[in-house]
Amino acid sequence: MTVDRDVIAEHEQAPPDEVSRATVVAYGVAATLLLGWFLFGWLVLQQGFVDSVGESAGAGFALLLIVSVIGTVRRSRSHR
């Protein structure tokens, strides 16, 4: 089995993908909203610390799932 050294060299020298400013801002907004959701449930609704953590973690995982599905759909459309 042989390895094409040119392909490996090109892959190693490729610059890393940069994260756009909009992505960083969106992550910051999402984190702020999740923190706000946690504090609202814990302090305003008085539903308990563990319940508030679980609810905000569930909302965060749902948000990650939505972002993952959208990213997969966009990536599959760009390869066609």
Protein backbone atom coordinates (compact mmCIF):
# COMPACT_ATOMS: atom_id res chain seq x y z
CA MET A 1 0.00 0.00 0.00
CA THR A 2 1.44 3.38 -0.97
CA VAL A 3 0.65 6.87 0.24
CA ASP A 4 0.54 9.84 -2.08
CA ARG A 5 2.84 12.28 -0.28
CA ASP A 6 1.69 15.25 -2.37
CA VAL A 7 -1.88 14.89 -1.16
CA ILE A 8 -0.75 14.57 2.45
CA ALA A 9 1.52 17.61 2.12
CA GLU A 10 -1.28 19.72 0.63
CA HIS A 11 -3.64 18.63 3.38
CA GLU A 12 -1.14 19.48 6.13
CA GLN A 13 -0.39 22.91 4.66
CA ALA A 14 -4.02 23.92 4.24
CA PRO A 15 -4.97 26.84 6.48
CA PRO A 16 -7.53 26.06 9.17
CA ASP A 17 -11.10 27.11 8.51
CA GLU A 18 -11.87 30.43 10.13
CA VAL A 19 -15.03 31.00 12.12
CA SER A 20 -17.02 33.97 10.90
CA ARG A 21 -17.85 36.88 13.16
CA ALA A 22 -21.57 36.17 12.72
CA THR A 23 -21.07 32.63 14.05
CA VAL A 24 -19.27 33.88 17.15
CA VAL A 25 -22.00 36.46 17.75
CA ALA A 26 -24.72 33.81 17.29
CA TYR A 27 -23.00 31.51 19.81
CA GLY A 28 -22.74 34.38 22.28
CA VAL A 29 -26.42 35.25 21.87
CA ALA A 30 -27.40 31.58 22.30
CA ALA A 31 -25.30 31.26 25.46
CA THR A 32 -26.81 34.46 26.87
CA LEU A 33 -30.35 33.25 26.13
CA LEU A 34 -29.67 29.88 27.75
CA LEU A 35 -28.26 31.57 30.84
CA GLY A 36 -31.28 33.85 30.94
CA TRP A 37 -33.61 30.85 30.59
CA PHE A 38 -31.82 29.15 33.49
CA LEU A 39 -32.03 32.22 35.71
CA PHE A 40 -35.68 32.82 34.81
CA GLY A 41 -36.64 29.27 35.74
CA TRP A 42 -34.58 29.23 38.90
CA LEU A 43 -35.23 32.70 40.32
CA VAL A 44 -38.57 33.78 38.87
CA LEU A 45 -40.46 30.50 38.53
CA GLN A 46 -38.66 29.03 41.59
CA GLN A 47 -38.63 25.55 40.08
CA GLY A 48 -35.39 24.47 41.73
CA PHE A 49 -31.75 24.58 40.72
CA VAL A 50 -31.49 21.07 39.26
CA ASP A 51 -34.71 21.45 37.27
CA SER A 52 -33.53 24.76 35.86
CA VAL A 53 -30.16 23.30 34.88
CA GLY A 54 -31.87 20.35 33.21
CA GLU A 55 -34.31 22.53 31.34
CA SER A 56 -31.66 24.92 30.03
CA ALA A 57 -29.35 22.01 29.14
CA GLY A 58 -32.19 20.37 27.24
CA ALA A 59 -32.84 23.61 25.37
CA GLY A 60 -29.12 23.87 24.58
CA PHE A 61 -28.97 20.32 23.24
CA ALA A 62 -32.08 20.94 21.12
CA LEU A 63 -30.42 24.06 19.73
CA LEU A 64 -27.26 22.08 18.93
CA LEU A 65 -29.36 19.45 17.16
CA ILE A 66 -31.07 22.10 15.04
CA VAL A 67 -27.73 23.68 14.11
CA SER A 68 -26.33 20.25 13.23
CA VAL A 69 -29.25 19.40 10.95
CA ILE A 70 -29.09 22.78 9.20
CA GLY A 71 -25.33 22.41 8.72
CA THR A 72 -25.73 18.92 7.28
CA VAL A 73 -28.40 20.07 4.83
CA ARG A 74 -26.33 23.06 3.72
CA ARG A 75 -23.22 20.91 3.29
CA SER A 76 -25.08 18.28 1.28
CA ARG A 77 -26.51 20.93 -1.05
CA SER A 78 -23.11 22.54 -1.66
CA HIS A 79 -21.56 19.22 -2.77
CA ARG A 80 -24.10 18.65 -5.53
